Amino acid sequence: MSDSEILLKAAINRITARITEKLINSAQEFTEIAEELPQKLQNEWSSFKEEVIEESERLEKKTKSSKEKSYQEQLSKEDLIQIQIDNLRSKVIDINKDIEGGN
């Protein structure tokens, strides 16, 4: 082999080695992220559920404390809020089932 052929072959070998190393490192990083993702999602989901429950409790307390309005108006607003809370809880339950079903 001539010097230029040896030099070309050496360059190709080094490029191949570097690309292989980068691919291996990327695969390892991806594996680490994939292993951590379910726990992170579960933590975020738990946090979100707690926030929704706290917010619904805050709304319930706020509704109960507004006694200045007539009973009829207060009742209808409480019903609307309760419907919204029930809808939110239902959505949270559905999303939770989806997430737990995926694990």
C-alpha atoms as a PDB file:
ATOM      1  CA  MET A   1       0.000   0.000   0.000  1.00  0.00           C
ATOM      2  CA  SER A   2       1.169   3.507  -0.724  1.00  0.00           C
ATOM      3  CA  ASP A   3       1.549   6.178   1.933  1.00  0.00           C
ATOM      4  CA  SER A   4      -1.595   8.009   0.768  1.00  0.00           C
ATOM      5  CA  GLU A   5      -3.636   4.774   0.913  1.00  0.00           C
ATOM      6  CA  ILE A   6      -2.368   4.092   4.439  1.00  0.00           C
ATOM      7  CA  LEU A   7      -3.172   7.671   5.475  1.00  0.00           C
ATOM      8  CA  LEU A   8      -6.667   7.444   3.974  1.00  0.00           C
ATOM      9  CA  LYS A   9      -7.335   4.090   5.635  1.00  0.00           C
ATOM     10  CA  ALA A  10      -6.088   5.456   8.992  1.00  0.00           C
ATOM     11  CA  ALA A  11      -8.404   8.489   8.671  1.00  0.00           C
ATOM     12  CA  ILE A  12     -11.384   6.271   7.863  1.00  0.00           C
ATOM     13  CA  ASN A  13     -10.590   3.989  10.823  1.00  0.00           C
ATOM     14  CA  ARG A  14     -10.391   6.954  13.216  1.00  0.00           C
ATOM     15  CA  ILE A  15     -13.628   8.498  11.889  1.00  0.00           C
ATOM     16  CA  THR A  16     -15.362   5.134  12.285  1.00  0.00           C
ATOM     17  CA  ALA A  17     -14.026   4.757  15.840  1.00  0.00           C
ATOM     18  CA  ARG A  18     -15.181   8.261  16.815  1.00  0.00           C
ATOM     19  CA  ILE A  19     -18.655   7.772  15.346  1.00  0.00           C
ATOM     20  CA  THR A  20     -18.977   4.415  17.110  1.00  0.00           C
ATOM     21  CA  GLU A  21     -17.916   5.977  20.426  1.00  0.00           C
ATOM     22  CA  LYS A  22     -20.437   8.818  20.020  1.00  0.00           C
ATOM     23  CA  LEU A  23     -23.213   6.349  19.223  1.00  0.00           C
ATOM     24  CA  ILE A  24     -22.389   4.235  22.270  1.00  0.00           C
ATOM     25  CA  ASN A  25     -22.335   7.315  24.525  1.00  0.00           C
ATOM     26  CA  SER A  26     -25.628   8.554  23.088  1.00  0.00           C
ATOM     27  CA  ALA A  27     -27.233   5.155  23.619  1.00  0.00           C
ATOM     28  CA  GLN A  28     -26.054   5.098  27.236  1.00  0.00           C
ATOM     29  CA  GLU A  29     -27.424   8.598  27.871  1.00  0.00           C
ATOM     30  CA  PHE A  30     -30.731   7.664  26.265  1.00  0.00           C
ATOM     31  CA  THR A  31     -30.942   4.549  28.437  1.00  0.00           C
ATOM     32  CA  GLU A  32     -30.360   6.591  31.587  1.00  0.00           C
ATOM     33  CA  ILE A  33     -33.045   9.093  30.601  1.00  0.00           C
ATOM     34  CA  ALA A  34     -35.480   6.307  29.735  1.00  0.00           C
ATOM     35  CA  GLU A  35     -34.907   4.662  33.123  1.00  0.00           C
ATOM     36  CA  GLU A  36     -35.515   7.915  35.036  1.00  0.00           C
ATOM     37  CA  LEU A  37     -38.530   9.083  33.028  1.00  0.00           C
ATOM     38  CA  PRO A  38     -41.272   6.888  34.580  1.00  0.00           C
ATOM     39  CA  GLN A  39     -40.333   7.963  38.105  1.00  0.00           C
ATOM     40  CA  LYS A  40     -40.188  11.623  37.108  1.00  0.00           C
ATOM     41  CA  LEU A  41     -43.591  11.355  35.434  1.00  0.00           C
ATOM     42  CA  GLN A  42     -45.045   9.624  38.475  1.00  0.00           C
ATOM     43  CA  ASN A  43     -43.654  12.334  40.782  1.00  0.00           C
ATOM     44  CA  GLU A  44     -45.028  15.119  38.591  1.00  0.00           C
ATOM     45  CA  TRP A  45     -48.396  13.370  38.365  1.00  0.00           C
ATOM     46  CA  SER A  46     -48.595  12.958  42.145  1.00  0.00           C
ATOM     47  CA  SER A  47     -47.717  16.604  42.625  1.00  0.00           C
ATOM     48  CA  PHE A  48     -50.351  17.668  40.101  1.00  0.00           C
ATOM     49  CA  LYS A  49     -53.042  15.561  41.800  1.00  0.00           C
ATOM     50  CA  GLU A  50     -52.213  17.134  45.165  1.00  0.00           C
ATOM     51  CA  GLU A  51     -52.411  20.625  43.656  1.00  0.00           C
ATOM     52  CA  VAL A  52     -55.809  19.884  42.098  1.00  0.00           C
ATOM     53  CA  ILE A  53     -57.169  18.528  45.372  1.00  0.00           C
ATOM     54  CA  GLU A  54     -55.857  21.537  47.311  1.00  0.00           C
ATOM     55  CA  GLU A  55     -57.360  23.909  44.755  1.00  0.00           C
ATOM     56  CA  SER A  56     -60.723  22.160  44.887  1.00  0.00           C
ATOM     57  CA  GLU A  57     -60.693  22.384  48.686  1.00  0.00           C
ATOM     58  CA  ARG A  58     -59.811  26.077  48.474  1.00  0.00           C
ATOM     59  CA  LEU A  59     -62.681  26.651  46.071  1.00  0.00           C
ATOM     60  CA  GLU A  60     -65.071  24.783  48.341  1.00  0.00           C
ATOM     61  CA  LYS A  61     -64.016  26.882  51.355  1.00  0.00           C
ATOM     62  CA  LYS A  62     -64.293  30.080  49.340  1.00  0.00           C
ATOM     63  CA  THR A  63     -67.769  29.114  48.188  1.00  0.00           C
ATOM     64  CA  LYS A  64     -68.905  28.273  51.706  1.00  0.00           C
ATOM     65  CA  SER A  65     -67.592  31.565  53.127  1.00  0.00           C
ATOM     66  CA  SER A  66     -69.561  33.780  50.740  1.00  0.00           C
ATOM     67  CA  LYS A  67     -72.770  34.016  52.775  1.00  0.00           C
ATOM     68  CA  GLU A  68     -73.552  37.553  51.624  1.00  0.00           C
ATOM     69  CA  LYS A  69     -75.488  36.340  48.596  1.00  0.00           C
ATOM     70  CA  SER A  70     -78.944  34.903  48.722  1.00  0.00           C
ATOM     71  CA  TYR A  71     -79.310  31.189  49.366  1.00  0.00           C
ATOM     72  CA  GLN A  72     -80.599  30.588  45.836  1.00  0.00           C
ATOM     73  CA  GLU A  73     -77.638  32.316  44.145  1.00  0.00           C
ATOM     74  CA  GLN A  74     -75.148  30.643  46.459  1.00  0.00           C
ATOM     75  CA  LEU A  75     -76.669  27.232  45.865  1.00  0.00           C
ATOM     76  CA  SER A  76     -76.527  27.539  42.086  1.00  0.00           C
ATOM     77  CA  LYS A  77     -72.896  28.748  42.158  1.00  0.00           C
ATOM     78  CA  GLU A  78     -71.934  25.953  44.525  1.00  0.00           C
ATOM     79  CA  ASP A  79     -73.587  23.473  42.191  1.00  0.00           C
ATOM     80  CA  LEU A  80     -71.601  24.830  39.235  1.00  0.00           C
ATOM     81  CA  ILE A  81     -68.353  24.721  41.193  1.00  0.00           C
ATOM     82  CA  GLN A  82     -69.109  21.222  42.424  1.00  0.00           C
ATOM     83  CA  ILE A  83     -69.801  20.118  38.862  1.00  0.00           C
ATOM     84  CA  GLN A  84     -66.476  21.609  37.787  1.00  0.00           C
ATOM     85  CA  ILE A  85     -64.703  19.918  40.687  1.00  0.00           C
ATOM     86  CA  ASP A  86     -66.364  16.597  39.860  1.00  0.00           C
ATOM     87  CA  ASN A  87     -65.330  16.969  36.220  1.00  0.00           C
ATOM     88  CA  LEU A  88     -61.737  17.755  37.221  1.00  0.00           C
ATOM     89  CA  ARG A  89     -61.624  14.806  39.591  1.00  0.00           C
ATOM     90  CA  SER A  90     -62.988  12.555  36.870  1.00  0.00           C
ATOM     91  CA  LYS A  91     -60.321  13.756  34.441  1.00  0.00           C
ATOM     92  CA  VAL A  92     -57.612  13.273  37.070  1.00  0.00           C
ATOM     93  CA  ILE A  93     -58.820   9.730  37.693  1.00  0.00           C
ATOM     94  CA  ASP A  94     -58.841   8.981  33.934  1.00  0.00           C
ATOM     95  CA  ILE A  95     -55.339  10.396  33.441  1.00  0.00           C
ATOM     96  CA  ASN A  96     -54.094   8.509  36.492  1.00  0.00           C
ATOM     97  CA  LYS A  97     -55.476   5.269  35.077  1.00  0.00           C
ATOM     98  CA  ASP A  98     -53.751   5.977  31.752  1.00  0.00           C
ATOM     99  CA  ILE A  99     -50.425   6.637  33.448  1.00  0.00           C
ATOM    100  CA  GLU A 100     -50.654   3.653  35.766  1.00  0.00           C
ATOM    101  CA  GLY A 101     -51.711   1.477  32.851  1.00  0.00           C
ATOM    102  CA  GLY A 102     -48.572   2.548  30.971  1.00  0.00           C
ATOM    103  CA  ASN A 103     -46.242   1.533  33.822  1.00  0.00           C
END
